[in-house]
Amino acid sequence: MESSGELVPFPLLMTCNYRACTIPYRFPSNNPTKPTPTELSWIHVFMNSIPTFRKRAESDDTVPDALSRAEKFAHRYTEILEDLKKDPKSHGGPPDGILLCRLREQVLRELGFRDIFKKVKDEENAKAISLFEDVVRLNDAIEDEAKRMENLVKGIFAGNLFDLGSAQLAELFSRDGISFLASCQNLVPRPWVIDDLDTFITKWSRESWKKAVIFVDNSGADIILGILPFTRELLRHGTQVILAANDLPSINDVTYPELVEIISKLKDEQGKLVGVDTSNLLVANSGNDLPVIDLTGISQELAYLASDADLVILEGMGRGIETNLYAQFRCDSLKIGMVKHPEVVEFLGGRLYDCVFKYNEVLE
């Protein structure tokens, strides 16, 4: 069940001092035998997610004895987190976001669970596909280019709310669902906690990027109503776009095979996305199997395709904020995501459901 093929560093990443962990969980001066307050708070975040994961696992009808296996998952993962509270060096620690995610996925896969969010992903993809054309036409109707780009970016944030890795959002979603258009209207007002949108729009109006790589996040509204309308706008400007999606399932993140299928359903008979040619659109397998990403290990296919890109976009809280907010690249980069954990709010000093739009331009 592990990702196939040897993983390699992302070729545009400045690897000097790179670590796939934005929030410092511990410092060299910390006692190696005792968990830090930050480690404990994040162990608590993952502990709070267990009931959601257990519930999804129990309803996975592709797994025999799902009920008892889901109980084993909850018990085993709780034990691991309790161990880390006592000894941060246990289970390959000290813990950070990548390790805590990886341990959770390992327990699920060892018990035979491959994709416990598959049903809800399929349902949300179908809903979002039915709305895609309307969302695109609403964007196209905005004549002012700067305002249209701002609207497209707000659509990414609204779509990014469909995140079942957040315990609060998972509960809200299962109870009420999340409306995409209402989410667009109800975003926290600008300026956001990190807000480089005006700088990005200025660069956008001056020139087009030749090739953009977008590390995508969730299924449903996120990819279909947020990222794909934005991608379509890049294509209209002559940019070649590579969408990099997960190799294996993790939470409700879209996988490479799922994204290929989604795009094929959205294209018309001429292979266009609501009138826009898609010959410059590629979908790549990132080689990743987590809701966060360490850019020192991506697929060789993506490394080859991305080597001459001049814009890198990391979307979503896990990839764009929690693991790569300060990652540096040899080209322009954009980190975009919504802040959905109070622990990240505290670190950034913003508001819950605040938005991060961090743009770095590389001056030649």
Protein backbone atom coordinates (compact mmCIF):
# COMPACT_ATOMS: atom_id res chain seq x y z
CA MET A 1 0.00 0.00 0.00
CA GLU A 2 2.98 2.37 0.08
CA SER A 3 3.61 4.79 -2.79
CA SER A 4 5.28 3.07 -5.71
CA GLY A 5 8.61 4.21 -7.16
CA GLU A 6 11.59 5.99 -5.67
CA LEU A 7 10.84 9.49 -4.41
CA VAL A 8 13.10 12.44 -5.22
CA PRO A 9 13.37 16.09 -4.06
CA PHE A 10 11.14 18.66 -5.79
CA PRO A 11 13.59 20.23 -8.26
CA LEU A 12 12.52 23.86 -7.66
CA LEU A 13 12.81 23.63 -3.87
CA MET A 14 15.64 25.47 -2.11
CA THR A 15 16.63 22.56 0.14
CA CYS A 16 19.04 24.54 2.34
CA ASN A 17 17.47 24.63 5.84
CA TYR A 18 14.22 23.14 4.48
CA ARG A 19 12.06 21.25 6.93
CA ALA A 20 8.46 20.25 6.22
CA CYS A 21 7.18 21.76 9.47
CA THR A 22 6.12 25.41 9.71
CA ILE A 23 5.37 25.54 13.44
CA PRO A 24 8.42 24.72 15.61
CA TYR A 25 7.33 21.75 17.72
CA ARG A 26 10.57 21.77 19.71
CA PHE A 27 13.94 23.52 20.00
CA PRO A 28 17.41 22.05 20.65
CA SER A 29 17.21 23.33 24.23
CA ASN A 30 14.07 21.26 24.98
CA ASN A 31 14.36 18.13 27.13
CA PRO A 32 14.45 15.20 24.65
CA THR A 33 12.63 12.92 27.10
CA LYS A 34 9.64 15.24 27.67
CA PRO A 35 7.02 16.42 25.17
CA THR A 36 6.91 20.17 24.55
CA PRO A 37 3.66 22.17 25.01
CA THR A 38 3.39 22.45 21.21
CA GLU A 39 3.80 18.69 20.75
CA LEU A 40 1.13 18.07 23.39
CA SER A 41 -1.31 20.50 21.78
CA TRP A 42 -0.92 18.82 18.38
CA ILE A 43 -1.22 15.34 19.86
CA HIS A 44 -4.50 16.66 21.28
CA VAL A 45 -5.60 17.83 17.78
CA PHE A 46 -5.02 14.33 16.39
CA MET A 47 -6.70 12.74 19.43
CA ASN A 48 -9.80 14.86 18.73
CA SER A 49 -9.95 13.58 15.14
CA ILE A 50 -10.21 9.91 16.18
CA PRO A 51 -14.06 9.80 16.57
CA THR A 52 -14.51 11.17 13.01
CA PHE A 53 -12.07 8.65 11.55
CA ARG A 54 -13.61 5.81 13.54
CA LYS A 55 -17.10 6.72 12.31
CA ARG A 56 -15.94 6.82 8.68
CA ALA A 57 -14.09 3.52 9.10
CA GLU A 58 -17.15 1.84 10.63
CA SER A 59 -19.21 2.73 7.54
CA ASP A 60 -16.61 1.46 5.04
CA ASP A 61 -18.54 -1.40 3.40
CA THR A 62 -15.47 -2.47 1.37
CA VAL A 63 -13.81 -3.81 4.54
CA PRO A 64 -15.03 -7.00 6.25
CA ASP A 65 -15.69 -6.59 10.00
CA ALA A 66 -15.42 -2.80 9.58
CA LEU A 67 -17.02 -2.19 12.98
CA SER A 68 -14.50 -4.19 14.99
CA ARG A 69 -11.57 -3.02 12.86
CA ALA A 70 -12.62 0.61 13.34
CA GLU A 71 -12.64 0.02 17.08
CA LYS A 72 -9.13 -1.46 16.84
CA PHE A 73 -7.98 1.57 14.87
CA ALA A 74 -9.31 3.98 17.52
CA HIS A 75 -7.73 1.94 20.32
CA ARG A 76 -4.36 1.49 18.61
CA TYR A 77 -3.97 5.08 17.43
CA THR A 78 -5.01 6.39 20.87
CA GLU A 79 -2.33 4.16 22.43
CA ILE A 80 0.30 5.56 20.04
CA LEU A 81 -0.65 9.15 20.89
CA GLU A 82 -0.58 8.36 24.62
CA ASP A 83 2.88 6.82 24.17
CA LEU A 84 4.09 10.01 22.50
CA LYS A 85 2.77 12.05 25.43
CA LYS A 86 4.95 9.99 27.78
CA ASP A 87 7.98 9.60 25.53
CA PRO A 88 8.30 11.91 22.49
CA LYS A 89 11.02 9.65 21.04
CA SER A 90 8.66 6.65 20.77
CA HIS A 91 7.20 5.61 17.38
CA GLY A 92 9.92 7.39 15.42
CA GLY A 93 9.41 10.73 17.21
CA PRO A 94 9.66 13.43 18.32
CA PRO A 95 6.26 14.10 16.76
CA ASP A 96 5.40 16.68 14.13
CA GLY A 97 2.53 17.01 11.65
CA ILE A 98 4.03 14.57 9.16
CA LEU A 99 4.72 11.84 11.73
CA LEU A 100 1.30 12.16 13.39
CA CYS A 101 -0.43 11.87 9.99
CA ARG A 102 1.79 8.99 8.89
CA LEU A 103 1.15 6.97 12.04
CA ARG A 104 -2.60 7.41 11.62
CA GLU A 105 -2.47 6.27 7.99
CA GLN A 106 -0.27 3.28 8.88
CA VAL A 107 -2.74 2.04 11.50
CA LEU A 108 -5.66 2.39 9.08
CA ARG A 109 -3.84 0.57 6.28
CA GLU A 110 -2.60 -2.22 8.55
CA LEU A 111 -6.23 -2.88 9.49
CA GLY A 112 -7.31 -3.05 5.85
CA PHE A 113 -8.78 0.45 5.45
CA ARG A 114 -7.71 2.01 2.19
CA ASP A 115 -10.06 4.95 1.65
CA ILE A 116 -12.56 5.51 4.48
CA PHE A 117 -13.72 8.85 3.02
CA LYS A 118 -14.43 7.41 -0.46
CA LYS A 119 -18.22 7.59 -0.20
CA VAL A 120 -18.34 11.21 0.95
CA LYS A 121 -15.72 12.20 -1.66
CA ASP A 122 -17.81 10.67 -4.46
CA GLU A 123 -20.98 12.41 -3.21
CA GLU A 124 -19.26 15.80 -2.94
CA ASN A 125 -17.56 15.43 -6.32
CA ALA A 126 -20.92 14.74 -7.97
CA LYS A 127 -22.47 17.82 -6.31
CA ALA A 128 -19.57 20.07 -7.24
CA ILE A 129 -19.47 18.82 -10.86
CA SER A 130 -23.14 19.83 -11.23
CA LEU A 131 -22.26 23.39 -10.07
CA PHE A 132 -19.01 23.82 -12.01
CA GLU A 133 -20.37 25.52 -15.13
CA ASP A 134 -22.47 28.02 -13.13
CA VAL A 135 -19.50 28.96 -10.94
CA VAL A 136 -17.29 29.44 -14.02
CA ARG A 137 -19.89 31.58 -15.80
CA LEU A 138 -20.32 33.79 -12.70
CA ASN A 139 -16.54 34.35 -12.73
CA ASP A 140 -16.44 34.99 -16.47
CA ALA A 141 -19.14 37.66 -16.10
CA ILE A 142 -16.77 39.81 -14.01
CA GLU A 143 -15.19 42.08 -16.64
CA ASP A 144 -12.58 43.72 -14.43
CA GLU A 145 -9.61 41.34 -14.48
CA ALA A 146 -8.38 42.18 -10.97
CA LYS A 147 -11.83 41.69 -9.49
CA ARG A 148 -12.25 38.43 -11.39
CA MET A 149 -8.96 37.11 -10.01
CA GLU A 150 -9.94 38.14 -6.47
CA ASN A 151 -13.24 36.29 -6.91
CA LEU A 152 -11.41 33.18 -8.16
CA VAL A 153 -9.10 33.27 -5.12
CA LYS A 154 -12.08 33.65 -2.77
CA GLY A 155 -13.53 30.58 -4.49
CA ILE A 156 -10.39 28.61 -3.57
CA PHE A 157 -10.81 29.60 0.09
CA ALA A 158 -14.52 28.75 0.07
CA GLY A 159 -13.81 25.37 -1.51
CA ASN A 160 -11.03 24.70 0.99
CA LEU A 161 -13.65 24.61 3.78
CA PHE A 162 -14.51 21.07 2.63
CA ASP A 163 -11.88 19.59 4.92
CA LEU A 164 -12.78 16.52 6.94
CA GLY A 165 -9.38 16.53 8.65
CA SER A 166 -10.63 19.35 10.87
CA ALA A 167 -12.72 17.89 13.71
CA GLN A 168 -14.92 21.02 13.90
CA LEU A 169 -15.55 21.11 10.15
CA ALA A 170 -16.15 17.36 9.98
CA GLU A 171 -18.89 17.73 12.59
CA LEU A 172 -20.41 20.76 10.85
CA PHE A 173 -20.26 19.00 7.50
CA SER A 174 -21.97 15.81 8.72
CA ARG A 175 -24.68 17.86 10.42
CA ASP A 176 -25.43 20.72 7.99
CA GLY A 177 -23.30 20.30 4.89
CA ILE A 178 -21.34 23.27 3.55
CA SER A 179 -22.70 25.55 0.82
CA PHE A 180 -20.02 26.76 -1.60
CA LEU A 181 -21.68 30.03 -2.61
CA ALA A 182 -22.59 30.88 1.00
CA SER A 183 -18.97 30.17 1.98
CA CYS A 184 -17.77 32.63 -0.70
CA GLN A 185 -19.99 35.33 0.81
CA ASN A 186 -18.98 34.59 4.40
CA LEU A 187 -15.18 34.59 4.17
CA VAL A 188 -13.42 36.69 6.79
CA PRO A 189 -12.86 40.18 5.34
CA ARG A 190 -9.54 41.34 3.96
CA PRO A 191 -6.85 42.02 4.93
CA TRP A 192 -6.29 38.34 5.71
CA VAL A 193 -3.69 37.14 8.19
CA ILE A 194 -1.20 36.90 5.30
CA ASP A 195 -2.47 38.87 2.31
CA ASP A 196 -0.26 39.28 -0.77
CA LEU A 197 -3.19 39.14 -3.18
CA ASP A 198 -2.73 42.68 -4.54
CA THR A 199 0.95 41.98 -5.32
CA PHE A 200 -0.02 38.72 -7.05
CA ILE A 201 -2.71 40.46 -9.15
CA THR A 202 -0.22 43.18 -10.16
CA LYS A 203 2.23 40.51 -11.39
CA TRP A 204 -0.65 38.65 -13.08
CA SER A 205 -1.68 41.80 -14.99
CA ARG A 206 1.91 42.46 -16.15
CA GLU A 207 2.84 39.05 -17.53
CA SER A 208 1.83 35.40 -17.65
CA TRP A 209 3.74 32.52 -16.14
CA LYS A 210 4.87 29.88 -18.65
CA LYS A 211 4.21 26.86 -16.45
CA ALA A 212 2.53 26.50 -13.04
CA VAL A 213 2.57 23.49 -10.71
CA ILE A 214 -0.35 23.31 -8.28
CA PHE A 215 -0.22 20.88 -5.34
CA VAL A 216 -3.95 20.34 -4.84
CA ASP A 217 -5.83 19.47 -1.66
CA ASN A 218 -9.39 18.23 -1.05
CA SER A 219 -12.02 16.57 -3.23
CA GLY A 220 -15.42 18.14 -3.87
CA ALA A 221 -15.85 21.91 -3.86
CA ASP A 222 -12.15 22.50 -3.14
CA ILE A 223 -10.73 21.02 -6.34
CA ILE A 224 -13.79 21.41 -8.60
CA LEU A 225 -15.20 24.83 -7.65
CA GLY A 226 -12.02 26.40 -6.25
CA ILE A 227 -8.87 25.17 -7.97
CA LEU A 228 -10.24 24.21 -11.40
CA PRO A 229 -11.85 27.62 -12.19
CA PHE A 230 -8.55 29.25 -11.13
CA THR A 231 -6.64 26.73 -13.30
CA ARG A 232 -8.94 27.51 -16.23
CA GLU A 233 -8.09 31.21 -15.88
CA LEU A 234 -4.36 30.38 -15.97
CA LEU A 235 -4.94 28.32 -19.13
CA ARG A 236 -6.78 31.26 -20.72
CA HIS A 237 -3.66 33.36 -20.11
CA GLY A 238 -1.46 30.83 -21.90
CA THR A 239 0.04 29.17 -18.82
CA GLN A 240 0.67 25.44 -18.91
CA VAL A 241 -0.69 23.94 -15.67
CA ILE A 242 0.34 20.75 -13.85
CA LEU A 243 -2.06 19.63 -11.14
CA ALA A 244 -0.18 17.42 -8.64
CA ALA A 245 -2.48 15.10 -6.68
CA ASN A 246 -1.89 12.41 -4.06
CA ASP A 247 -0.81 8.91 -5.05
CA LEU A 248 -2.79 7.23 -2.26
CA PRO A 249 -5.98 8.27 -0.40
CA SER A 250 -5.70 10.30 2.80
CA ILE A 251 -8.69 11.94 4.52
CA ASN A 252 -10.82 13.57 1.77
CA ASP A 253 -7.86 14.67 -0.36
CA VAL A 254 -8.31 14.11 -4.08
CA THR A 255 -6.10 11.37 -5.54
CA TYR A 256 -4.45 11.27 -8.95
CA PRO A 257 -6.92 8.72 -10.45
CA GLU A 258 -9.89 10.64 -9.00
CA LEU A 259 -8.67 13.92 -10.47
CA VAL A 260 -8.18 12.39 -13.91
CA GLU A 261 -11.79 11.14 -13.76
CA ILE A 262 -13.16 14.48 -12.51
CA ILE A 263 -11.53 16.44 -15.34
CA SER A 264 -12.75 13.96 -17.96
CA LYS A 265 -16.32 14.49 -16.67
CA LEU A 266 -15.99 18.28 -16.79
CA LYS A 267 -14.59 18.49 -20.33
CA ASP A 268 -16.98 18.87 -23.25
CA GLU A 269 -16.82 16.85 -26.49
CA GLN A 270 -14.05 19.10 -27.82
CA GLY A 271 -11.98 18.52 -24.68
CA LYS A 272 -12.61 22.04 -23.37
CA LEU A 273 -13.46 23.36 -19.90
CA VAL A 274 -16.42 25.66 -20.61
CA GLY A 275 -14.84 26.91 -23.82
CA VAL A 276 -11.21 26.90 -22.68
CA ASP A 277 -8.73 24.57 -24.38
CA THR A 278 -7.15 22.02 -22.03
CA SER A 279 -4.23 20.81 -24.16
CA ASN A 280 -1.91 22.66 -21.74
CA LEU A 281 -3.41 20.96 -18.67
CA LEU A 282 -1.58 17.98 -17.18
CA VAL A 283 -2.41 15.88 -14.12
CA ALA A 284 0.53 14.34 -12.26
CA ASN A 285 0.91 11.85 -9.43
CA SER A 286 2.78 13.68 -6.65
CA GLY A 287 3.92 10.42 -5.01
CA ASN A 288 2.45 11.67 -1.72
CA ASP A 289 0.11 9.70 0.56
CA LEU A 290 -0.61 12.23 3.35
CA PRO A 291 -2.69 15.43 3.80
CA VAL A 292 0.64 17.23 4.41
CA ILE A 293 3.72 17.04 2.18
CA ASP A 294 7.48 16.83 2.52
CA LEU A 295 8.85 18.23 -0.73
CA THR A 296 12.10 16.28 -0.41
CA GLY A 297 10.10 13.19 -1.49
CA ILE A 298 7.94 13.51 -4.61
CA SER A 299 7.45 11.27 -7.64
CA GLN A 300 10.05 11.23 -10.41
CA GLU A 301 7.26 11.92 -12.92
CA LEU A 302 6.32 15.18 -11.18
CA ALA A 303 9.97 16.17 -10.75
CA TYR A 304 10.51 15.79 -14.50
CA LEU A 305 7.34 17.70 -15.46
CA ALA A 306 7.92 20.52 -12.97
CA SER A 307 11.63 21.17 -13.52
CA ASP A 308 11.09 24.23 -15.77
CA ALA A 309 8.01 25.70 -14.04
CA ASP A 310 8.09 29.39 -13.07
CA LEU A 311 5.22 29.28 -10.54
CA VAL A 312 4.66 26.79 -7.71
CA ILE A 313 1.37 26.80 -5.80
CA LEU A 314 0.78 24.84 -2.59
CA GLU A 315 -2.90 24.80 -1.70
CA GLY A 316 -4.58 23.86 1.55
CA MET A 317 -3.77 24.08 5.24
CA GLY A 318 -1.70 20.88 5.37
CA ARG A 319 0.52 21.50 2.34
CA GLY A 320 0.49 25.29 2.06
CA ILE A 321 0.49 26.36 5.72
CA GLU A 322 1.40 23.62 8.20
CA THR A 323 4.33 22.11 6.30
CA ASN A 324 5.50 24.58 3.64
CA LEU A 325 4.55 28.16 4.54
CA TYR A 326 8.21 29.20 4.66
CA ALA A 327 9.51 26.86 1.95
CA GLN A 328 11.64 28.73 -0.58
CA PHE A 329 11.71 28.05 -4.31
CA ARG A 330 13.86 28.96 -7.29
CA CYS A 331 10.78 30.52 -8.94
CA ASP A 332 7.67 32.45 -7.93
CA SER A 333 5.57 30.67 -5.34
CA LEU A 334 2.15 30.93 -3.76
CA LYS A 335 0.92 29.32 -0.55
CA ILE A 336 -2.86 29.52 -0.25
CA GLY A 337 -5.13 27.99 2.37
CA MET A 338 -7.66 28.55 5.10
CA VAL A 339 -6.68 28.40 8.78
CA LYS A 340 -8.89 25.74 10.35
CA HIS A 341 -7.03 24.74 13.53
CA PRO A 342 -6.92 27.06 16.58
CA GLU A 343 -3.28 26.02 17.05
CA VAL A 344 -2.40 27.51 13.65
CA VAL A 345 -4.44 30.63 14.45
CA GLU A 346 -2.39 31.09 17.62
CA PHE A 347 0.89 30.68 15.71
CA LEU A 348 -0.06 33.12 12.91
CA GLY A 349 -1.97 35.57 15.10
CA GLY A 350 -5.09 35.65 12.92
CA ARG A 351 -8.70 34.52 13.25
CA LEU A 352 -10.24 31.06 12.95
CA TYR A 353 -11.11 30.51 9.26
CA ASP A 354 -8.75 33.34 8.34
CA CYS A 355 -7.04 33.10 4.97
CA VAL A 356 -3.39 32.82 3.99
CA PHE A 357 -2.31 34.13 0.59
CA LYS A 358 1.49 34.22 0.67
CA TYR A 359 3.10 35.17 -2.65
CA ASN A 360 6.86 35.29 -3.16
CA GLU A 361 8.26 36.66 -6.40
CA VAL A 362 11.75 35.66 -7.48
CA LEU A 363 13.41 38.65 -9.14
CA GLU A 364 15.81 37.67 -11.87
